[in-house]
Amino acid sequence: MPPATSLHFYRKRQTFEALAGERPQNLQSVYTVVREVLAALEERLQNLEASFYGPGGSPETEVKQWYLPLQLILRPARYSGLMSMEQLEEIYDRHIDITDILTVDEDSLIQIQNLVAKVLKAVREGFSESIQYIEKLMDFLKRYCVSFSLPDGDSYLETATNYEKQRRDLERAIKLNIEVRPEYGCTKHD
């Protein structure tokens, strides 16, 4: 066995940012980077949730807090639910119109308008960076996790065909869910 030399070749650990400019060292480094990015995204989403609900808050307490004011504006307007910003604007317009007989609790209307503003602000400010990371990760996966199977498949390669179909379905689902819609009041990468 040859004697070990003191010169050990050390390659720095690859990061998500570094992979934009260099090829991965091996498949394990791809897995490691993907796991780290997903863990960071999960932590970021948990922090966004905690900042949205406030200290000690939860979805249940938030729903309970807004249930009564929402009912006080929806019942007189004969809506079963608030589905869009336009509905809220219509209720407000009808409320201030002196020729319309609709009367709603003004404090509740203001509270719900503030709630909608809070949600839109959280969506605009909170998710834009996460969406950018997800898009970068999708590009990275498209570049380095390429299937050798055709999308149509080969009867002899059923496992590879299933993998490719699942990968494409997952990619479509992710793109659909990170797509920024104008009805949420934000543009791509605000």
N, C-alpha and C. Protein backbone atom coordinates (compact mmCIF):
# COMPACT_ATOMS: atom_id res chain seq x y z
N MET A 1 0.84 -1.16 0.00
CA MET A 1 0.00 0.00 0.00
C MET A 1 0.89 1.23 0.00
N PRO A 2 0.64 2.18 -0.91
CA PRO A 2 1.49 3.36 -0.97
C PRO A 2 1.29 4.23 0.27
N PRO A 3 2.35 4.90 0.68
CA PRO A 3 2.22 5.76 1.86
C PRO A 3 1.28 6.94 1.58
N ALA A 4 0.55 7.31 2.59
CA ALA A 4 -0.38 8.44 2.46
C ALA A 4 0.40 9.73 2.45
N THR A 5 0.01 10.61 1.61
CA THR A 5 0.68 11.91 1.56
C THR A 5 -0.08 12.89 2.43
N SER A 6 0.56 13.96 2.74
CA SER A 6 -0.09 14.98 3.56
C SER A 6 -0.96 15.91 2.71
N LEU A 7 -0.91 15.73 1.42
CA LEU A 7 -1.72 16.57 0.54
C LEU A 7 -3.08 15.90 0.32
N HIS A 8 -4.05 16.36 1.04
CA HIS A 8 -5.41 15.86 0.85
C HIS A 8 -6.15 16.88 0.01
N PHE A 9 -6.73 16.40 -1.04
CA PHE A 9 -7.48 17.31 -1.89
C PHE A 9 -8.84 17.54 -1.26
N TYR A 10 -9.09 18.77 -0.96
CA TYR A 10 -10.33 19.12 -0.28
C TYR A 10 -11.18 19.96 -1.22
N ARG A 11 -12.37 19.50 -1.43
CA ARG A 11 -13.33 20.29 -2.20
C ARG A 11 -14.35 20.83 -1.23
N LYS A 12 -14.60 22.09 -1.36
CA LYS A 12 -15.58 22.69 -0.46
C LYS A 12 -16.95 22.08 -0.73
N ARG A 13 -17.76 22.08 0.30
CA ARG A 13 -19.11 21.54 0.21
C ARG A 13 -19.95 22.41 -0.71
N GLN A 14 -20.69 21.80 -1.58
CA GLN A 14 -21.49 22.57 -2.52
C GLN A 14 -22.76 23.09 -1.85
N THR A 15 -23.13 24.29 -2.25
CA THR A 15 -24.35 24.90 -1.74
C THR A 15 -25.31 25.13 -2.90
N PHE A 16 -26.53 25.47 -2.56
CA PHE A 16 -27.55 25.72 -3.57
C PHE A 16 -27.13 26.86 -4.49
N GLU A 17 -26.60 27.94 -3.91
CA GLU A 17 -26.19 29.09 -4.69
C GLU A 17 -25.02 28.74 -5.61
N ALA A 18 -24.09 27.92 -5.11
CA ALA A 18 -22.92 27.56 -5.91
C ALA A 18 -23.28 26.68 -7.10
N LEU A 19 -24.35 25.90 -6.97
CA LEU A 19 -24.72 25.00 -8.06
C LEU A 19 -25.25 25.72 -9.28
N ALA A 20 -25.57 26.99 -9.14
CA ALA A 20 -26.00 27.76 -10.31
C ALA A 20 -24.84 27.95 -11.28
N GLY A 21 -23.61 27.96 -10.76
CA GLY A 21 -22.46 28.20 -11.61
C GLY A 21 -21.55 27.01 -11.82
N GLU A 22 -21.77 25.92 -11.11
CA GLU A 22 -20.90 24.76 -11.25
C GLU A 22 -21.70 23.47 -11.23
N ARG A 23 -21.14 22.46 -11.84
CA ARG A 23 -21.81 21.15 -11.85
C ARG A 23 -21.70 20.52 -10.47
N PRO A 24 -22.67 19.68 -10.12
CA PRO A 24 -22.56 18.99 -8.83
C PRO A 24 -21.40 18.01 -8.85
N GLN A 25 -20.81 17.79 -7.67
CA GLN A 25 -19.68 16.88 -7.56
C GLN A 25 -20.11 15.44 -7.79
N ASN A 26 -21.28 15.11 -7.26
CA ASN A 26 -21.82 13.76 -7.42
C ASN A 26 -23.31 13.79 -7.10
N LEU A 27 -23.96 12.66 -7.27
CA LEU A 27 -25.40 12.60 -7.04
C LEU A 27 -25.75 12.82 -5.57
N GLN A 28 -24.88 12.38 -4.68
CA GLN A 28 -25.13 12.59 -3.26
C GLN A 28 -25.16 14.08 -2.91
N SER A 29 -24.31 14.87 -3.54
CA SER A 29 -24.33 16.31 -3.27
C SER A 29 -25.62 16.94 -3.77
N VAL A 30 -26.18 16.40 -4.85
CA VAL A 30 -27.48 16.88 -5.34
C VAL A 30 -28.54 16.60 -4.28
N TYR A 31 -28.58 15.36 -3.78
CA TYR A 31 -29.56 15.01 -2.76
C TYR A 31 -29.41 15.87 -1.51
N THR A 32 -28.18 16.09 -1.10
CA THR A 32 -27.91 16.89 0.10
C THR A 32 -28.40 18.32 -0.08
N VAL A 33 -28.09 18.92 -1.21
CA VAL A 33 -28.50 20.30 -1.46
C VAL A 33 -30.02 20.40 -1.53
N VAL A 34 -30.67 19.46 -2.20
CA VAL A 34 -32.14 19.49 -2.29
C VAL A 34 -32.76 19.36 -0.91
N ARG A 35 -32.25 18.43 -0.10
CA ARG A 35 -32.78 18.28 1.27
C ARG A 35 -32.60 19.56 2.08
N GLU A 36 -31.43 20.19 1.97
CA GLU A 36 -31.17 21.42 2.73
C GLU A 36 -32.10 22.55 2.29
N VAL A 37 -32.29 22.69 0.99
CA VAL A 37 -33.17 23.75 0.48
C VAL A 37 -34.60 23.50 0.94
N LEU A 38 -35.06 22.26 0.85
CA LEU A 38 -36.43 21.96 1.29
C LEU A 38 -36.60 22.18 2.79
N ALA A 39 -35.60 21.83 3.58
CA ALA A 39 -35.67 22.07 5.02
C ALA A 39 -35.71 23.57 5.31
N ALA A 40 -34.90 24.35 4.59
CA ALA A 40 -34.90 25.81 4.78
C ALA A 40 -36.24 26.41 4.36
N LEU A 41 -36.82 25.92 3.27
CA LEU A 41 -38.13 26.41 2.84
C LEU A 41 -39.21 26.06 3.86
N GLU A 42 -39.15 24.85 4.38
CA GLU A 42 -40.13 24.44 5.39
C GLU A 42 -40.03 25.33 6.63
N GLU A 43 -38.80 25.59 7.06
CA GLU A 43 -38.60 26.47 8.22
C GLU A 43 -39.10 27.88 7.93
N ARG A 44 -38.84 28.37 6.73
CA ARG A 44 -39.31 29.71 6.36
C ARG A 44 -40.84 29.77 6.37
N LEU A 45 -41.49 28.75 5.85
CA LEU A 45 -42.95 28.73 5.86
C LEU A 45 -43.51 28.65 7.28
N GLN A 46 -42.84 27.90 8.15
CA GLN A 46 -43.27 27.85 9.55
C GLN A 46 -43.10 29.21 10.21
N ASN A 47 -42.02 29.91 9.90
CA ASN A 47 -41.82 31.26 10.44
C ASN A 47 -42.86 32.24 9.91
N LEU A 48 -43.20 32.12 8.63
CA LEU A 48 -44.25 32.97 8.06
C LEU A 48 -45.58 32.71 8.74
N GLU A 49 -45.88 31.46 8.98
CA GLU A 49 -47.13 31.11 9.66
C GLU A 49 -47.15 31.68 11.07
N ALA A 50 -46.03 31.54 11.79
CA ALA A 50 -45.96 32.07 13.15
C ALA A 50 -46.08 33.59 13.16
N SER A 51 -45.47 34.27 12.19
CA SER A 51 -45.57 35.73 12.16
C SER A 51 -46.96 36.18 11.74
N PHE A 52 -47.65 35.41 10.93
CA PHE A 52 -49.01 35.77 10.52
C PHE A 52 -49.98 35.64 11.68
N TYR A 53 -49.91 34.53 12.41
CA TYR A 53 -50.85 34.30 13.51
C TYR A 53 -50.45 35.01 14.79
N GLY A 54 -49.19 35.41 14.90
CA GLY A 54 -48.75 36.09 16.11
C GLY A 54 -48.37 35.09 17.19
N PRO A 55 -47.83 35.61 18.31
CA PRO A 55 -47.40 34.71 19.38
C PRO A 55 -48.60 33.97 19.98
N GLY A 56 -48.48 32.66 20.06
CA GLY A 56 -49.53 31.84 20.64
C GLY A 56 -50.74 31.66 19.74
N GLY A 57 -50.70 32.21 18.54
CA GLY A 57 -51.84 32.11 17.63
C GLY A 57 -51.85 30.80 16.86
N SER A 58 -53.00 30.48 16.32
CA SER A 58 -53.15 29.27 15.52
C SER A 58 -54.25 29.50 14.50
N PRO A 59 -54.36 28.64 13.51
CA PRO A 59 -55.46 28.79 12.55
C PRO A 59 -56.83 28.77 13.23
N GLU A 60 -56.97 27.93 14.25
CA GLU A 60 -58.26 27.82 14.94
C GLU A 60 -58.64 29.13 15.63
N THR A 61 -57.69 29.74 16.33
CA THR A 61 -58.00 31.00 17.02
C THR A 61 -58.25 32.12 16.01
N GLU A 62 -57.55 32.08 14.90
CA GLU A 62 -57.74 33.10 13.87
C GLU A 62 -59.14 32.99 13.26
N VAL A 63 -59.57 31.77 12.97
CA VAL A 63 -60.91 31.57 12.40
C VAL A 63 -61.98 31.99 13.40
N LYS A 64 -61.80 31.61 14.65
CA LYS A 64 -62.79 31.99 15.68
C LYS A 64 -62.87 33.51 15.83
N GLN A 65 -61.73 34.17 15.72
CA GLN A 65 -61.68 35.62 15.87
C GLN A 65 -62.47 36.33 14.78
N TRP A 66 -62.44 35.80 13.56
CA TRP A 66 -63.06 36.48 12.43
C TRP A 66 -64.42 35.92 12.05
N TYR A 67 -64.86 34.85 12.69
CA TYR A 67 -66.11 34.21 12.31
C TYR A 67 -67.32 35.14 12.50
N LEU A 68 -67.46 35.73 13.67
CA LEU A 68 -68.62 36.57 13.96
C LEU A 68 -68.66 37.82 13.08
N PRO A 69 -67.56 38.60 12.97
CA PRO A 69 -67.62 39.77 12.08
C PRO A 69 -67.94 39.38 10.63
N LEU A 70 -67.43 38.25 10.19
CA LEU A 70 -67.70 37.81 8.82
C LEU A 70 -69.19 37.48 8.65
N GLN A 71 -69.76 36.80 9.62
CA GLN A 71 -71.19 36.48 9.54
C GLN A 71 -72.05 37.74 9.58
N LEU A 72 -71.60 38.75 10.34
CA LEU A 72 -72.37 39.99 10.44
C LEU A 72 -72.40 40.79 9.14
N ILE A 73 -71.45 40.53 8.25
CA ILE A 73 -71.52 41.22 6.95
C ILE A 73 -72.06 40.31 5.85
N LEU A 74 -71.90 38.99 5.99
CA LEU A 74 -72.36 38.08 4.94
C LEU A 74 -73.86 37.82 5.00
N ARG A 75 -74.40 37.66 6.19
CA ARG A 75 -75.83 37.34 6.31
C ARG A 75 -76.72 38.41 5.69
N PRO A 76 -76.54 39.69 6.05
CA PRO A 76 -77.40 40.70 5.42
C PRO A 76 -77.24 40.77 3.90
N ALA A 77 -76.04 40.47 3.41
CA ALA A 77 -75.80 40.50 1.96
C ALA A 77 -76.24 39.20 1.28
N ARG A 78 -76.64 38.22 2.08
CA ARG A 78 -77.11 36.91 1.60
C ARG A 78 -76.05 36.15 0.81
N TYR A 79 -74.84 36.19 1.35
CA TYR A 79 -73.75 35.40 0.80
C TYR A 79 -73.47 34.26 1.77
N SER A 80 -73.12 33.09 1.21
CA SER A 80 -72.78 31.97 2.08
C SER A 80 -71.30 32.01 2.47
N GLY A 81 -70.50 32.72 1.72
CA GLY A 81 -69.08 32.83 2.02
C GLY A 81 -68.47 33.97 1.24
N LEU A 82 -67.29 34.35 1.66
CA LEU A 82 -66.56 35.43 0.98
C LEU A 82 -65.55 34.76 0.05
N MET A 83 -65.83 34.83 -1.24
CA MET A 83 -65.00 34.12 -2.21
C MET A 83 -64.00 35.01 -2.93
N SER A 84 -64.27 36.31 -2.95
CA SER A 84 -63.38 37.19 -3.70
C SER A 84 -63.40 38.60 -3.10
N MET A 85 -62.41 39.36 -3.48
CA MET A 85 -62.31 40.75 -3.05
C MET A 85 -63.49 41.56 -3.62
N GLU A 86 -63.94 41.17 -4.80
CA GLU A 86 -65.06 41.88 -5.42
C GLU A 86 -66.32 41.80 -4.56
N GLN A 87 -66.55 40.65 -3.93
CA GLN A 87 -67.71 40.51 -3.05
C GLN A 87 -67.64 41.50 -1.89
N LEU A 88 -66.47 41.61 -1.29
CA LEU A 88 -66.29 42.54 -0.17
C LEU A 88 -66.49 43.98 -0.64
N GLU A 89 -65.96 44.30 -1.81
CA GLU A 89 -66.14 45.65 -2.35
C GLU A 89 -67.61 45.92 -2.67
N GLU A 90 -68.31 44.91 -3.17
CA GLU A 90 -69.74 45.06 -3.45
C GLU A 90 -70.53 45.31 -2.16
N ILE A 91 -70.21 44.56 -1.12
CA ILE A 91 -70.89 44.77 0.17
C ILE A 91 -70.62 46.18 0.67
N TYR A 92 -69.38 46.64 0.57
CA TYR A 92 -69.04 47.99 1.01
C TYR A 92 -69.80 49.03 0.18
N ASP A 93 -69.80 48.86 -1.15
CA ASP A 93 -70.51 49.82 -2.02
C ASP A 93 -72.00 49.86 -1.70
N ARG A 94 -72.58 48.70 -1.47
CA ARG A 94 -74.00 48.66 -1.12
C ARG A 94 -74.25 49.29 0.25
N HIS A 95 -73.29 49.11 1.16
CA HIS A 95 -73.43 49.67 2.51
C HIS A 95 -73.43 51.20 2.48
N ILE A 96 -72.58 51.78 1.65
CA ILE A 96 -72.51 53.25 1.62
C ILE A 96 -73.53 53.88 0.68
N ASP A 97 -74.18 53.05 -0.14
CA ASP A 97 -75.21 53.55 -1.06
C ASP A 97 -76.50 53.80 -0.27
N ILE A 98 -76.95 55.04 -0.24
CA ILE A 98 -78.14 55.37 0.57
C ILE A 98 -79.43 54.85 -0.05
N THR A 99 -79.40 54.49 -1.32
CA THR A 99 -80.61 53.95 -1.96
C THR A 99 -80.75 52.45 -1.75
N ASP A 100 -79.69 51.79 -1.29
CA ASP A 100 -79.73 50.35 -1.07
C ASP A 100 -80.18 50.07 0.37
N ILE A 101 -81.00 49.06 0.56
CA ILE A 101 -81.52 48.77 1.90
C ILE A 101 -80.57 47.92 2.73
N LEU A 102 -79.47 47.49 2.14
CA LEU A 102 -78.53 46.64 2.88
C LEU A 102 -77.89 47.42 4.03
N THR A 103 -77.98 46.85 5.21
CA THR A 103 -77.29 47.43 6.37
C THR A 103 -76.45 46.34 7.01
N VAL A 104 -75.20 46.64 7.18
CA VAL A 104 -74.29 45.70 7.83
C VAL A 104 -73.61 46.42 8.98
N ASP A 105 -73.08 45.64 9.89
CA ASP A 105 -72.35 46.20 11.02
C ASP A 105 -71.06 46.83 10.49
N GLU A 106 -70.96 48.14 10.65
CA GLU A 106 -69.82 48.87 10.07
C GLU A 106 -68.49 48.45 10.70
N ASP A 107 -68.47 48.21 12.01
CA ASP A 107 -67.23 47.76 12.66
C ASP A 107 -66.78 46.41 12.09
N SER A 108 -67.73 45.52 11.87
CA SER A 108 -67.41 44.21 11.30
C SER A 108 -66.87 44.35 9.88
N LEU A 109 -67.46 45.24 9.12
CA LEU A 109 -67.00 45.48 7.75
C LEU A 109 -65.56 45.99 7.75
N ILE A 110 -65.26 46.90 8.63
CA ILE A 110 -63.89 47.44 8.74
C ILE A 110 -62.93 46.34 9.19
N GLN A 111 -63.36 45.51 10.14
CA GLN A 111 -62.50 44.41 10.61
C GLN A 111 -62.19 43.43 9.47
N ILE A 112 -63.19 43.10 8.69
CA ILE A 112 -62.96 42.15 7.58
C ILE A 112 -62.10 42.79 6.50
N GLN A 113 -62.28 44.07 6.23
CA GLN A 113 -61.40 44.75 5.27
C GLN A 113 -59.96 44.73 5.77
N ASN A 114 -59.76 44.93 7.06
CA ASN A 114 -58.41 44.86 7.64
C ASN A 114 -57.84 43.45 7.55
N LEU A 115 -58.70 42.45 7.76
CA LEU A 115 -58.25 41.06 7.63
C LEU A 115 -57.79 40.76 6.21
N VAL A 116 -58.57 41.18 5.23
CA VAL A 116 -58.19 40.95 3.83
C VAL A 116 -56.87 41.66 3.51
N ALA A 117 -56.71 42.88 4.01
CA ALA A 117 -55.45 43.60 3.79
C ALA A 117 -54.28 42.86 4.44
N LYS A 118 -54.50 42.31 5.63
CA LYS A 118 -53.45 41.55 6.34
C LYS A 118 -53.06 40.30 5.54
N VAL A 119 -54.05 39.60 5.01
CA VAL A 119 -53.78 38.38 4.24
C VAL A 119 -53.04 38.72 2.95
N LEU A 120 -53.50 39.75 2.25
CA LEU A 120 -52.83 40.14 1.00
C LEU A 120 -51.39 40.58 1.25
N LYS A 121 -51.16 41.29 2.33
CA LYS A 121 -49.80 41.72 2.66
C LYS A 121 -48.93 40.50 2.95
N ALA A 122 -49.47 39.54 3.69
CA ALA A 122 -48.71 38.33 4.00
C ALA A 122 -48.37 37.56 2.73
N VAL A 123 -49.31 37.48 1.81
CA VAL A 123 -49.06 36.77 0.55
C VAL A 123 -48.02 37.50 -0.28
N ARG A 124 -48.17 38.82 -0.40
CA ARG A 124 -47.23 39.60 -1.21
C ARG A 124 -45.82 39.54 -0.67
N GLU A 125 -45.69 39.79 0.63
CA GLU A 125 -44.35 39.91 1.21
C GLU A 125 -43.75 38.58 1.61
N GLY A 126 -44.59 37.66 2.05
CA GLY A 126 -44.06 36.44 2.63
C GLY A 126 -43.66 35.36 1.65
N PHE A 127 -44.36 35.27 0.55
CA PHE A 127 -44.14 34.13 -0.32
C PHE A 127 -43.26 34.40 -1.52
N SER A 128 -42.97 35.65 -1.84
CA SER A 128 -42.21 35.92 -3.07
C SER A 128 -40.81 35.30 -3.02
N GLU A 129 -40.12 35.41 -1.90
CA GLU A 129 -38.78 34.82 -1.80
C GLU A 129 -38.84 33.30 -1.85
N SER A 130 -39.83 32.72 -1.17
CA SER A 130 -39.98 31.26 -1.20
C SER A 130 -40.27 30.77 -2.61
N ILE A 131 -41.09 31.49 -3.33
CA ILE A 131 -41.41 31.11 -4.71
C ILE A 131 -40.16 31.16 -5.58
N GLN A 132 -39.32 32.17 -5.38
CA GLN A 132 -38.07 32.26 -6.15
C GLN A 132 -37.17 31.06 -5.87
N TYR A 133 -37.06 30.66 -4.59
CA TYR A 133 -36.24 29.49 -4.24
C TYR A 133 -36.81 28.23 -4.88
N ILE A 134 -38.12 28.08 -4.86
CA ILE A 134 -38.74 26.89 -5.45
C ILE A 134 -38.49 26.86 -6.95
N GLU A 135 -38.60 28.00 -7.61
CA GLU A 135 -38.34 28.04 -9.05
C GLU A 135 -36.89 27.70 -9.37
N LYS A 136 -35.95 28.21 -8.56
CA LYS A 136 -34.54 27.87 -8.77
C LYS A 136 -34.32 26.37 -8.56
N LEU A 137 -34.96 25.83 -7.52
CA LEU A 137 -34.82 24.41 -7.24
C LEU A 137 -35.40 23.57 -8.38
N MET A 138 -36.53 23.99 -8.93
CA MET A 138 -37.13 23.27 -10.06
C MET A 138 -36.20 23.30 -11.28
N ASP A 139 -35.57 24.44 -11.55
CA ASP A 139 -34.62 24.52 -12.65
C ASP A 139 -33.42 23.59 -12.41
N PHE A 140 -32.95 23.59 -11.17
CA PHE A 140 -31.82 22.74 -10.79
C PHE A 140 -32.18 21.27 -10.98
N LEU A 141 -33.37 20.87 -10.52
CA LEU A 141 -33.79 19.48 -10.67
C LEU A 141 -33.99 19.11 -12.13
N LYS A 142 -34.49 20.04 -12.92
CA LYS A 142 -34.68 19.78 -14.35
C LYS A 142 -33.33 19.56 -15.03
N ARG A 143 -32.32 20.25 -14.54
CA ARG A 143 -30.99 20.15 -15.15
C ARG A 143 -30.25 18.89 -14.70
N TYR A 144 -30.36 18.51 -13.41
CA TYR A 144 -29.52 17.44 -12.88
C TYR A 144 -30.26 16.15 -12.53
N CYS A 145 -31.56 16.15 -12.51
CA CYS A 145 -32.32 14.93 -12.21
C CYS A 145 -33.15 14.55 -13.43
N VAL A 146 -32.47 14.29 -14.50
CA VAL A 146 -33.10 13.99 -15.77
C VAL A 146 -33.36 12.49 -15.86
N SER A 147 -34.54 12.14 -16.32
CA SER A 147 -34.88 10.73 -16.50
C SER A 147 -34.34 10.25 -17.83
N PHE A 148 -33.97 9.00 -17.88
CA PHE A 148 -33.52 8.44 -19.14
C PHE A 148 -34.68 7.85 -19.93
N SER A 149 -35.88 7.89 -19.37
CA SER A 149 -37.05 7.33 -20.02
C SER A 149 -37.82 8.40 -20.78
N LEU A 150 -38.39 8.03 -21.89
CA LEU A 150 -39.24 8.94 -22.64
C LEU A 150 -40.58 9.08 -21.93
N PRO A 151 -41.25 10.22 -22.09
CA PRO A 151 -42.54 10.41 -21.42
C PRO A 151 -43.59 9.39 -21.85
N ASP A 152 -43.52 8.93 -23.12
CA ASP A 152 -44.49 7.94 -23.59
C ASP A 152 -44.23 6.58 -22.98
N GLY A 153 -42.98 6.34 -22.66
CA GLY A 153 -42.63 5.10 -21.99
C GLY A 153 -42.25 3.98 -22.92
N ASP A 154 -41.75 2.96 -22.31
CA ASP A 154 -41.34 1.75 -22.99
C ASP A 154 -41.86 0.59 -22.15
N SER A 155 -42.47 -0.38 -22.77
CA SER A 155 -43.07 -1.49 -22.01
C SER A 155 -42.03 -2.25 -21.20
N TYR A 156 -40.77 -2.21 -21.61
CA TYR A 156 -39.72 -2.91 -20.88
C TYR A 156 -39.17 -2.09 -19.71
N LEU A 157 -39.51 -0.82 -19.67
CA LEU A 157 -38.98 0.07 -18.63
C LEU A 157 -40.13 0.68 -17.82
N GLU A 158 -41.00 -0.16 -17.28
CA GLU A 158 -42.18 0.33 -16.59
C GLU A 158 -41.82 1.21 -15.39
N THR A 159 -40.83 0.84 -14.60
CA THR A 159 -40.45 1.63 -13.43
C THR A 159 -39.95 3.00 -13.84
N ALA A 160 -39.13 3.05 -14.86
CA ALA A 160 -38.61 4.34 -15.33
C ALA A 160 -39.73 5.20 -15.91
N THR A 161 -40.66 4.58 -16.61
CA THR A 161 -41.79 5.32 -17.17
C THR A 161 -42.66 5.89 -16.06
N ASN A 162 -42.93 5.08 -15.04
CA ASN A 162 -43.72 5.56 -13.90
C ASN A 162 -43.01 6.71 -13.20
N TYR A 163 -41.69 6.58 -13.04
CA TYR A 163 -40.93 7.66 -12.41
C TYR A 163 -41.08 8.95 -13.20
N GLU A 164 -40.94 8.85 -14.52
CA GLU A 164 -41.01 10.04 -15.37
C GLU A 164 -42.40 10.66 -15.32
N LYS A 165 -43.45 9.84 -15.33
CA LYS A 165 -44.81 10.36 -15.25
C LYS A 165 -45.05 11.05 -13.91
N GLN A 166 -44.60 10.43 -12.82
CA GLN A 166 -44.76 11.03 -11.49
C GLN A 166 -43.97 12.33 -11.39
N ARG A 167 -42.76 12.33 -11.95
CA ARG A 167 -41.94 13.53 -11.89
C ARG A 167 -42.61 14.68 -12.64
N ARG A 168 -43.16 14.41 -13.81
CA ARG A 168 -43.84 15.45 -14.59
C ARG A 168 -45.12 15.92 -13.89
N ASP A 169 -45.88 14.99 -13.31
CA ASP A 169 -47.10 15.38 -12.57
C ASP A 169 -46.75 16.27 -11.38
N LEU A 170 -45.70 15.90 -10.66
CA LEU A 170 -45.27 16.69 -9.52
C LEU A 170 -44.79 18.07 -9.96
N GLU A 171 -44.06 18.12 -11.06
CA GLU A 171 -43.58 19.41 -11.58
C GLU A 171 -44.76 20.30 -11.95
N ARG A 172 -45.77 19.73 -12.62
CA ARG A 172 -46.96 20.52 -12.98
C ARG A 172 -47.70 21.01 -11.74
N ALA A 173 -47.83 20.16 -10.73
CA ALA A 173 -48.53 20.55 -9.50
C ALA A 173 -47.79 21.67 -8.78
N ILE A 174 -46.47 21.58 -8.73
CA ILE A 174 -45.68 22.62 -8.07
C ILE A 174 -45.83 23.94 -8.82
N LYS A 175 -45.71 23.90 -10.14
CA LYS A 175 -45.85 25.13 -10.93
C LYS A 175 -47.23 25.75 -10.76
N LEU A 176 -48.26 24.91 -10.71
CA LEU A 176 -49.61 25.42 -10.52
C LEU A 176 -49.76 26.11 -9.17
N ASN A 177 -49.14 25.54 -8.14
CA ASN A 177 -49.29 26.08 -6.79
C ASN A 177 -48.41 27.29 -6.50
N ILE A 178 -47.35 27.48 -7.26
CA ILE A 178 -46.53 28.68 -7.02
C ILE A 178 -46.84 29.78 -8.01
N GLU A 179 -47.73 29.50 -8.94
CA GLU A 179 -48.13 30.52 -9.91
C GLU A 179 -48.77 31.69 -9.17
N VAL A 180 -48.30 32.88 -9.46
CA VAL A 180 -48.83 34.08 -8.81
C VAL A 180 -50.01 34.56 -9.63
N ARG A 181 -51.12 34.72 -8.96
CA ARG A 181 -52.35 35.12 -9.66
C ARG A 181 -52.66 36.57 -9.38
N PRO A 182 -53.11 37.32 -10.39
CA PRO A 182 -53.41 38.74 -10.22
C PRO A 182 -54.53 39.00 -9.21
N GLU A 183 -55.45 38.05 -9.03
CA GLU A 183 -56.54 38.29 -8.08
C GLU A 183 -56.05 38.36 -6.64
N TYR A 184 -54.80 37.92 -6.40
CA TYR A 184 -54.24 38.04 -5.06
C TYR A 184 -53.53 39.37 -4.87
N GLY A 185 -53.55 40.19 -5.89
CA GLY A 185 -52.99 41.53 -5.77
C GLY A 185 -51.49 41.58 -5.79
N CYS A 186 -50.85 40.61 -6.38
CA CYS A 186 -49.39 40.66 -6.45
C CYS A 186 -48.93 40.22 -7.82
N THR A 187 -47.74 40.62 -8.16
CA THR A 187 -47.16 40.24 -9.42
C THR A 187 -46.03 39.28 -9.15
N LYS A 188 -45.58 38.63 -10.18
CA LYS A 188 -44.52 37.65 -10.02
C LYS A 188 -43.26 38.33 -9.48
N HIS A 189 -42.74 37.75 -8.41
CA HIS A 189 -41.51 38.22 -7.76
C HIS A 189 -41.61 39.64 -7.25
N ASP A 190 -42.72 39.96 -6.56
CA ASP A 190 -42.86 41.28 -5.91
C ASP A 190 -41.71 41.52 -4.96
